[in-house]
Amino acid sequence: MSITNLQIADSAVAVTPGDSTELSPGILFVGVGGDVAVQTLAGETVTFKNIADGSYLYTMVVKVLSTGTTATNILIAR
């Protein structure tokens, strides 16, 4: 699935990684870098490796998985 109508987020909330916690779709900001395991809006599970401090992940996610995630201070913007 591709996104053709990008909009600026109007809210952001802290994310506590959890293998069963579903989130409203959004993009991620990673405060303290590391690996980030997610489930995408399309239902794929993927791990982004070695994400730097202060990075955005421009992938629509619905879960930040605790298994495989080492990054912290993660926010979801939507």
PDB file of N, CA and C in Angstrom:
ATOM      1  N   MET A   1       0.849  -1.166   0.000  1.00  0.00           N
ATOM      2  CA  MET A   1       0.000   0.000   0.000  1.00  0.00           C
ATOM      3  C   MET A   1       0.893   1.227   0.000  1.00  0.00           C
ATOM      4  N   SER A   2       0.580   2.198  -0.819  1.00  0.00           N
ATOM      5  CA  SER A   2       1.324   3.445  -0.807  1.00  0.00           C
ATOM      6  C   SER A   2       0.414   4.573  -0.358  1.00  0.00           C
ATOM      7  N   ILE A   3       1.032   5.602   0.148  1.00  0.00           N
ATOM      8  CA  ILE A   3       0.286   6.750   0.627  1.00  0.00           C
ATOM      9  C   ILE A   3       0.516   7.875  -0.361  1.00  0.00           C
ATOM     10  N   THR A   4      -0.545   8.424  -0.894  1.00  0.00           N
ATOM     11  CA  THR A   4      -0.395   9.475  -1.889  1.00  0.00           C
ATOM     12  C   THR A   4      -0.816  10.834  -1.380  1.00  0.00           C
ATOM     13  N   ASN A   5      -1.453  10.904  -0.229  1.00  0.00           N
ATOM     14  CA  ASN A   5      -1.921  12.170   0.306  1.00  0.00           C
ATOM     15  C   ASN A   5      -1.336  12.367   1.700  1.00  0.00           C
ATOM     16  N   LEU A   6      -0.092  12.812   1.759  1.00  0.00           N
ATOM     17  CA  LEU A   6       0.554  13.009   3.050  1.00  0.00           C
ATOM     18  C   LEU A   6       0.050  14.280   3.705  1.00  0.00           C
ATOM     19  N   GLN A   7      -0.187  14.206   4.990  1.00  0.00           N
ATOM     20  CA  GLN A   7      -0.620  15.358   5.748  1.00  0.00           C
ATOM     21  C   GLN A   7       0.307  15.530   6.936  1.00  0.00           C
ATOM     22  N   ILE A   8       0.366  16.724   7.461  1.00  0.00           N
ATOM     23  CA  ILE A   8       1.174  16.995   8.639  1.00  0.00           C
ATOM     24  C   ILE A   8       0.420  16.474   9.858  1.00  0.00           C
ATOM     25  N   ALA A   9       1.142  15.808  10.738  1.00  0.00           N
ATOM     26  CA  ALA A   9       0.528  15.270  11.955  1.00  0.00           C
ATOM     27  C   ALA A   9       0.070  16.409  12.858  1.00  0.00           C
ATOM     28  N   ASP A  10      -1.039  16.184  13.550  1.00  0.00           N
ATOM     29  CA  ASP A  10      -1.507  17.198  14.488  1.00  0.00           C
ATOM     30  C   ASP A  10      -1.451  16.725  15.936  1.00  0.00           C
ATOM     31  N   SER A  11      -0.921  15.514  16.152  1.00  0.00           N
ATOM     32  CA  SER A  11      -0.733  15.036  17.518  1.00  0.00           C
ATOM     33  C   SER A  11       0.390  14.008  17.550  1.00  0.00           C
ATOM     34  N   ALA A  12       0.932  13.814  18.725  1.00  0.00           N
ATOM     35  CA  ALA A  12       1.961  12.792  18.943  1.00  0.00           C
ATOM     36  C   ALA A  12       1.822  12.288  20.369  1.00  0.00           C
ATOM     37  N   VAL A  13       1.997  10.981  20.544  1.00  0.00           N
ATOM     38  CA  VAL A  13       1.904  10.386  21.869  1.00  0.00           C
ATOM     39  C   VAL A  13       3.049   9.405  22.065  1.00  0.00           C
ATOM     40  N   ALA A  14       3.448   9.241  23.320  1.00  0.00           N
ATOM     41  CA  ALA A  14       4.498   8.286  23.652  1.00  0.00           C
ATOM     42  C   ALA A  14       4.010   6.869  23.393  1.00  0.00           C
ATOM     43  N   VAL A  15       4.931   6.022  22.951  1.00  0.00           N
ATOM     44  CA  VAL A  15       4.625   4.624  22.655  1.00  0.00           C
ATOM     45  C   VAL A  15       5.374   3.726  23.636  1.00  0.00           C
ATOM     46  N   THR A  16       4.645   2.816  24.258  1.00  0.00           N
ATOM     47  CA  THR A  16       5.263   1.748  25.026  1.00  0.00           C
ATOM     48  C   THR A  16       5.186   0.499  24.153  1.00  0.00           C
ATOM     49  N   PRO A  17       6.338  -0.019  23.700  1.00  0.00           N
ATOM     50  CA  PRO A  17       6.296  -1.202  22.833  1.00  0.00           C
ATOM     51  C   PRO A  17       5.548  -2.354  23.490  1.00  0.00           C
ATOM     52  N   GLY A  18       4.763  -3.040  22.688  1.00  0.00           N
ATOM     53  CA  GLY A  18       3.995  -4.189  23.161  1.00  0.00           C
ATOM     54  C   GLY A  18       3.606  -5.055  21.980  1.00  0.00           C
ATOM     55  N   ASP A  19       3.801  -6.344  22.081  1.00  0.00           N
ATOM     56  CA  ASP A  19       3.546  -7.242  20.951  1.00  0.00           C
ATOM     57  C   ASP A  19       2.075  -7.334  20.580  1.00  0.00           C
ATOM     58  N   SER A  20       1.167  -6.978  21.482  1.00  0.00           N
ATOM     59  CA  SER A  20      -0.259  -7.083  21.168  1.00  0.00           C
ATOM     60  C   SER A  20      -0.971  -5.733  21.183  1.00  0.00           C
ATOM     61  N   THR A  21      -0.265  -4.651  21.463  1.00  0.00           N
ATOM     62  CA  THR A  21      -0.880  -3.330  21.558  1.00  0.00           C
ATOM     63  C   THR A  21      -1.023  -2.697  20.182  1.00  0.00           C
ATOM     64  N   GLU A  22      -2.271  -2.492  19.731  1.00  0.00           N
ATOM     65  CA  GLU A  22      -2.518  -1.843  18.443  1.00  0.00           C
ATOM     66  C   GLU A  22      -2.610  -0.343  18.640  1.00  0.00           C
ATOM     67  N   LEU A  23      -2.039   0.389  17.704  1.00  0.00           N
ATOM     68  CA  LEU A  23      -2.030   1.846  17.726  1.00  0.00           C
ATOM     69  C   LEU A  23      -2.822   2.373  16.543  1.00  0.00           C
ATOM     70  N   SER A  24      -3.295   3.605  16.655  1.00  0.00           N
ATOM     71  CA  SER A  24      -3.827   4.271  15.469  1.00  0.00           C
ATOM     72  C   SER A  24      -2.646   4.489  14.535  1.00  0.00           C
ATOM     73  N   PRO A  25      -2.799   4.266  13.231  1.00  0.00           N
ATOM     74  CA  PRO A  25      -1.671   4.367  12.312  1.00  0.00           C
ATOM     75  C   PRO A  25      -0.984   5.726  12.375  1.00  0.00           C
ATOM     76  N   GLY A  26       0.328   5.696  12.281  1.00  0.00           N
ATOM     77  CA  GLY A  26       1.109   6.921  12.279  1.00  0.00           C
ATOM     78  C   GLY A  26       2.562   6.636  11.959  1.00  0.00           C
ATOM     79  N   ILE A  27       3.360   7.705  11.924  1.00  0.00           N
ATOM     80  CA  ILE A  27       4.801   7.557  11.721  1.00  0.00           C
ATOM     81  C   ILE A  27       5.490   7.699  13.072  1.00  0.00           C
ATOM     82  N   LEU A  28       6.705   7.184  13.156  1.00  0.00           N
ATOM     83  CA  LEU A  28       7.407   7.156  14.440  1.00  0.00           C
ATOM     84  C   LEU A  28       8.545   8.157  14.498  1.00  0.00           C
ATOM     85  N   PHE A  29       8.742   8.710  15.687  1.00  0.00           N
ATOM     86  CA  PHE A  29       9.937   9.465  16.024  1.00  0.00           C
ATOM     87  C   PHE A  29      10.673   8.644  17.062  1.00  0.00           C
ATOM     88  N   VAL A  30      11.967   8.432  16.856  1.00  0.00           N
ATOM     89  CA  VAL A  30      12.790   7.640  17.773  1.00  0.00           C
ATOM     90  C   VAL A  30      13.742   8.590  18.492  1.00  0.00           C
ATOM     91  N   GLY A  31      13.534   8.757  19.805  1.00  0.00           N
ATOM     92  CA  GLY A  31      14.374   9.664  20.579  1.00  0.00           C
ATOM     93  C   GLY A  31      15.758   9.112  20.831  1.00  0.00           C
ATOM     94  N   VAL A  32      15.835   7.881  21.336  1.00  0.00           N
ATOM     95  CA  VAL A  32      17.106   7.222  21.616  1.00  0.00           C
ATOM     96  C   VAL A  32      17.190   6.007  20.702  1.00  0.00           C
ATOM     97  N   GLY A  33      18.179   5.995  19.847  1.00  0.00           N
ATOM     98  CA  GLY A  33      18.282   5.018  18.771  1.00  0.00           C
ATOM     99  C   GLY A  33      18.470   3.577  19.195  1.00  0.00           C
ATOM    100  N   GLY A  34      18.345   2.720  18.199  1.00  0.00           N
ATOM    101  CA  GLY A  34      18.476   1.277  18.360  1.00  0.00           C
ATOM    102  C   GLY A  34      17.644   0.598  17.293  1.00  0.00           C
ATOM    103  N   ASP A  35      17.252  -0.628  17.538  1.00  0.00           N
ATOM    104  CA  ASP A  35      16.386  -1.363  16.609  1.00  0.00           C
ATOM    105  C   ASP A  35      14.925  -1.077  16.941  1.00  0.00           C
ATOM    106  N   VAL A  36      14.083  -0.998  15.892  1.00  0.00           N
ATOM    107  CA  VAL A  36      12.653  -0.779  16.080  1.00  0.00           C
ATOM    108  C   VAL A  36      11.907  -1.831  15.269  1.00  0.00           C
ATOM    109  N   ALA A  37      11.219  -2.736  15.972  1.00  0.00           N
ATOM    110  CA  ALA A  37      10.415  -3.776  15.330  1.00  0.00           C
ATOM    111  C   ALA A  37       8.973  -3.289  15.295  1.00  0.00           C
ATOM    112  N   VAL A  38       8.357  -3.340  14.111  1.00  0.00           N
ATOM    113  CA  VAL A  38       7.007  -2.816  13.947  1.00  0.00           C
ATOM    114  C   VAL A  38       6.152  -3.751  13.114  1.00  0.00           C
ATOM    115  N   GLN A  39       4.837  -3.543  13.217  1.00  0.00           N
ATOM    116  CA  GLN A  39       3.898  -4.101  12.258  1.00  0.00           C
ATOM    117  C   GLN A  39       3.375  -2.916  11.469  1.00  0.00           C
ATOM    118  N   THR A  40       3.448  -2.998  10.146  1.00  0.00           N
ATOM    119  CA  THR A  40       3.021  -1.904   9.290  1.00  0.00           C
ATOM    120  C   THR A  40       1.517  -1.931   9.081  1.00  0.00           C
ATOM    121  N   LEU A  41       0.998  -0.857   8.538  1.00  0.00           N
ATOM    122  CA  LEU A  41      -0.416  -0.764   8.209  1.00  0.00           C
ATOM    123  C   LEU A  41      -0.826  -1.873   7.251  1.00  0.00           C
ATOM    124  N   ALA A  42       0.104  -2.325   6.406  1.00  0.00           N
ATOM    125  CA  ALA A  42      -0.163  -3.411   5.458  1.00  0.00           C
ATOM    126  C   ALA A  42      -0.091  -4.788   6.104  1.00  0.00           C
ATOM    127  N   GLY A  43       0.251  -4.859   7.407  1.00  0.00           N
ATOM    128  CA  GLY A  43       0.291  -6.133   8.112  1.00  0.00           C
ATOM    129  C   GLY A  43       1.637  -6.818   8.114  1.00  0.00           C
ATOM    130  N   GLU A  44       2.652  -6.176   7.575  1.00  0.00           N
ATOM    131  CA  GLU A  44       3.995  -6.762   7.544  1.00  0.00           C
ATOM    132  C   GLU A  44       4.716  -6.494   8.855  1.00  0.00           C
ATOM    133  N   THR A  45       5.526  -7.451   9.288  1.00  0.00           N
ATOM    134  CA  THR A  45       6.379  -7.268  10.454  1.00  0.00           C
ATOM    135  C   THR A  45       7.792  -7.054   9.952  1.00  0.00           C
ATOM    136  N   VAL A  46       8.416  -5.963  10.404  1.00  0.00           N
ATOM    137  CA  VAL A  46       9.758  -5.613   9.934  1.00  0.00           C
ATOM    138  C   VAL A  46      10.533  -4.989  11.091  1.00  0.00           C
ATOM    139  N   THR A  47      11.844  -5.195  11.089  1.00  0.00           N
ATOM    140  CA  THR A  47      12.711  -4.573  12.087  1.00  0.00           C
ATOM    141  C   THR A  47      13.641  -3.592  11.390  1.00  0.00           C
ATOM    142  N   PHE A  48      13.580  -2.338  11.795  1.00  0.00           N
ATOM    143  CA  PHE A  48      14.505  -1.317  11.314  1.00  0.00           C
ATOM    144  C   PHE A  48      15.717  -1.365  12.231  1.00  0.00           C
ATOM    145  N   LYS A  49      16.880  -1.651  11.668  1.00  0.00           N
ATOM    146  CA  LYS A  49      18.091  -1.862  12.463  1.00  0.00           C
ATOM    147  C   LYS A  49      18.888  -0.561  12.611  1.00  0.00           C
ATOM    148  N   ASN A  50      19.441  -0.385  13.803  1.00  0.00           N
ATOM    149  CA  ASN A  50      20.395   0.704  14.077  1.00  0.00           C
ATOM    150  C   ASN A  50      19.873   2.086  13.722  1.00  0.00           C
ATOM    151  N   ILE A  51      18.635   2.388  14.102  1.00  0.00           N
ATOM    152  CA  ILE A  51      18.068   3.711  13.870  1.00  0.00           C
ATOM    153  C   ILE A  51      18.792   4.720  14.761  1.00  0.00           C
ATOM    154  N   ALA A  52      19.183   5.841  14.189  1.00  0.00           N
ATOM    155  CA  ALA A  52      19.924   6.867  14.930  1.00  0.00           C
ATOM    156  C   ALA A  52      19.013   7.650  15.871  1.00  0.00           C
ATOM    157  N   ASP A  53      19.603   8.229  16.921  1.00  0.00           N
ATOM    158  CA  ASP A  53      18.871   9.122  17.826  1.00  0.00           C
ATOM    159  C   ASP A  53      18.208  10.227  17.009  1.00  0.00           C
ATOM    160  N   GLY A  54      16.986  10.576  17.374  1.00  0.00           N
ATOM    161  CA  GLY A  54      16.310  11.705  16.753  1.00  0.00           C
ATOM    162  C   GLY A  54      15.836  11.463  15.330  1.00  0.00           C
ATOM    163  N   SER A  55      15.567  10.201  14.972  1.00  0.00           N
ATOM    164  CA  SER A  55      15.149   9.864  13.610  1.00  0.00           C
ATOM    165  C   SER A  55      13.641   9.680  13.508  1.00  0.00           C
ATOM    166  N   TYR A  56      13.124   9.937  12.312  1.00  0.00           N
ATOM    167  CA  TYR A  56      11.739   9.627  11.974  1.00  0.00           C
ATOM    168  C   TYR A  56      11.713   8.390  11.102  1.00  0.00           C
ATOM    169  N   LEU A  57      10.717   7.536  11.306  1.00  0.00           N
ATOM    170  CA  LEU A  57      10.473   6.390  10.425  1.00  0.00           C
ATOM    171  C   LEU A  57       9.203   6.704   9.646  1.00  0.00           C
ATOM    172  N   TYR A  58       9.364   7.010   8.380  1.00  0.00           N
ATOM    173  CA  TYR A  58       8.235   7.406   7.532  1.00  0.00           C
ATOM    174  C   TYR A  58       7.539   6.181   6.955  1.00  0.00           C
ATOM    175  N   THR A  59       7.114   5.301   7.840  1.00  0.00           N
ATOM    176  CA  THR A  59       6.353   4.113   7.498  1.00  0.00           C
ATOM    177  C   THR A  59       5.137   4.100   8.412  1.00  0.00           C
ATOM    178  N   MET A  60       3.970   3.906   7.854  1.00  0.00           N
ATOM    179  CA  MET A  60       2.758   3.877   8.677  1.00  0.00           C
ATOM    180  C   MET A  60       2.750   2.584   9.484  1.00  0.00           C
ATOM    181  N   VAL A  61       2.770   2.711  10.815  1.00  0.00           N
ATOM    182  CA  VAL A  61       2.804   1.544  11.682  1.00  0.00           C
ATOM    183  C   VAL A  61       1.556   1.478  12.544  1.00  0.00           C
ATOM    184  N   VAL A  62       1.196   0.250  12.940  1.00  0.00           N
ATOM    185  CA  VAL A  62       0.061   0.041  13.838  1.00  0.00           C
ATOM    186  C   VAL A  62       0.484  -0.659  15.129  1.00  0.00           C
ATOM    187  N   LYS A  63       1.727  -1.168  15.158  1.00  0.00           N
ATOM    188  CA  LYS A  63       2.277  -1.754  16.379  1.00  0.00           C
ATOM    189  C   LYS A  63       3.771  -1.476  16.432  1.00  0.00           C
ATOM    190  N   VAL A  64       4.253  -1.171  17.635  1.00  0.00           N
ATOM    191  CA  VAL A  64       5.684  -1.171  17.915  1.00  0.00           C
ATOM    192  C   VAL A  64       5.889  -2.362  18.835  1.00  0.00           C
ATOM    193  N   LEU A  65       6.575  -3.355  18.334  1.00  0.00           N
ATOM    194  CA  LEU A  65       6.707  -4.621  19.053  1.00  0.00           C
ATOM    195  C   LEU A  65       7.777  -4.528  20.135  1.00  0.00           C
ATOM    196  N   SER A  66       7.493  -5.116  21.292  1.00  0.00           N
ATOM    197  CA  SER A  66       8.507  -5.143  22.346  1.00  0.00           C
ATOM    198  C   SER A  66       9.610  -6.130  21.998  1.00  0.00           C
ATOM    199  N   THR A  67       9.238  -7.232  21.349  1.00  0.00           N
ATOM    200  CA  THR A  67      10.225  -8.218  20.914  1.00  0.00           C
ATOM    201  C   THR A  67      10.997  -7.647  19.736  1.00  0.00           C
ATOM    202  N   GLY A  68      12.270  -7.404  19.918  1.00  0.00           N
ATOM    203  CA  GLY A  68      13.121  -6.888  18.846  1.00  0.00           C
ATOM    204  C   GLY A  68      13.349  -5.397  18.879  1.00  0.00           C
ATOM    205  N   THR A  69      12.653  -4.667  19.750  1.00  0.00           N
ATOM    206  CA  THR A  69      12.842  -3.211  19.833  1.00  0.00           C
ATOM    207  C   THR A  69      13.783  -2.885  20.984  1.00  0.00           C
ATOM    208  N   THR A  70      14.873  -2.194  20.645  1.00  0.00           N
ATOM    209  CA  THR A  70      15.828  -1.735  21.664  1.00  0.00           C
ATOM    210  C   THR A  70      15.842  -0.216  21.792  1.00  0.00           C
ATOM    211  N   ALA A  71      15.293   0.490  20.810  1.00  0.00           N
ATOM    212  CA  ALA A  71      15.217   1.951  20.857  1.00  0.00           C
ATOM    213  C   ALA A  71      14.237   2.376  21.946  1.00  0.00           C
ATOM    214  N   THR A  72      14.390   3.595  22.437  1.00  0.00           N
ATOM    215  CA  THR A  72      13.499   4.126  23.478  1.00  0.00           C
ATOM    216  C   THR A  72      13.063   5.543  23.125  1.00  0.00           C
ATOM    217  N   ASN A  73      12.219   6.089  23.974  1.00  0.00           N
ATOM    218  CA  ASN A  73      11.672   7.429  23.781  1.00  0.00           C
ATOM    219  C   ASN A  73      11.031   7.554  22.407  1.00  0.00           C
ATOM    220  N   ILE A  74      10.147   6.608  22.100  1.00  0.00           N
ATOM    221  CA  ILE A  74       9.478   6.548  20.797  1.00  0.00           C
ATOM    222  C   ILE A  74       8.132   7.268  20.892  1.00  0.00           C
ATOM    223  N   LEU A  75       7.849   8.086  19.902  1.00  0.00           N
ATOM    224  CA  LEU A  75       6.559   8.771  19.777  1.00  0.00           C
ATOM    225  C   LEU A  75       5.915   8.340  18.465  1.00  0.00           C
ATOM    226  N   ILE A  76       4.591   8.291  18.439  1.00  0.00           N
ATOM    227  CA  ILE A  76       3.864   8.080  17.187  1.00  0.00           C
ATOM    228  C   ILE A  76       3.131   9.371  16.873  1.00  0.00           C
ATOM    229  N   ALA A  77       3.336   9.858  15.647  1.00  0.00           N
ATOM    230  CA  ALA A  77       2.695  11.095  15.194  1.00  0.00           C
ATOM    231  C   ALA A  77       1.591  10.741  14.220  1.00  0.00           C
ATOM    232  N   ARG A  78       0.456  11.394  14.390  1.00  0.00           N
ATOM    233  CA  ARG A  78      -0.667  11.145  13.483  1.00  0.00           C
ATOM    234  C   ARG A  78      -1.525  12.378  13.362  1.00  0.00           C
TER     235      ARG A  78
END
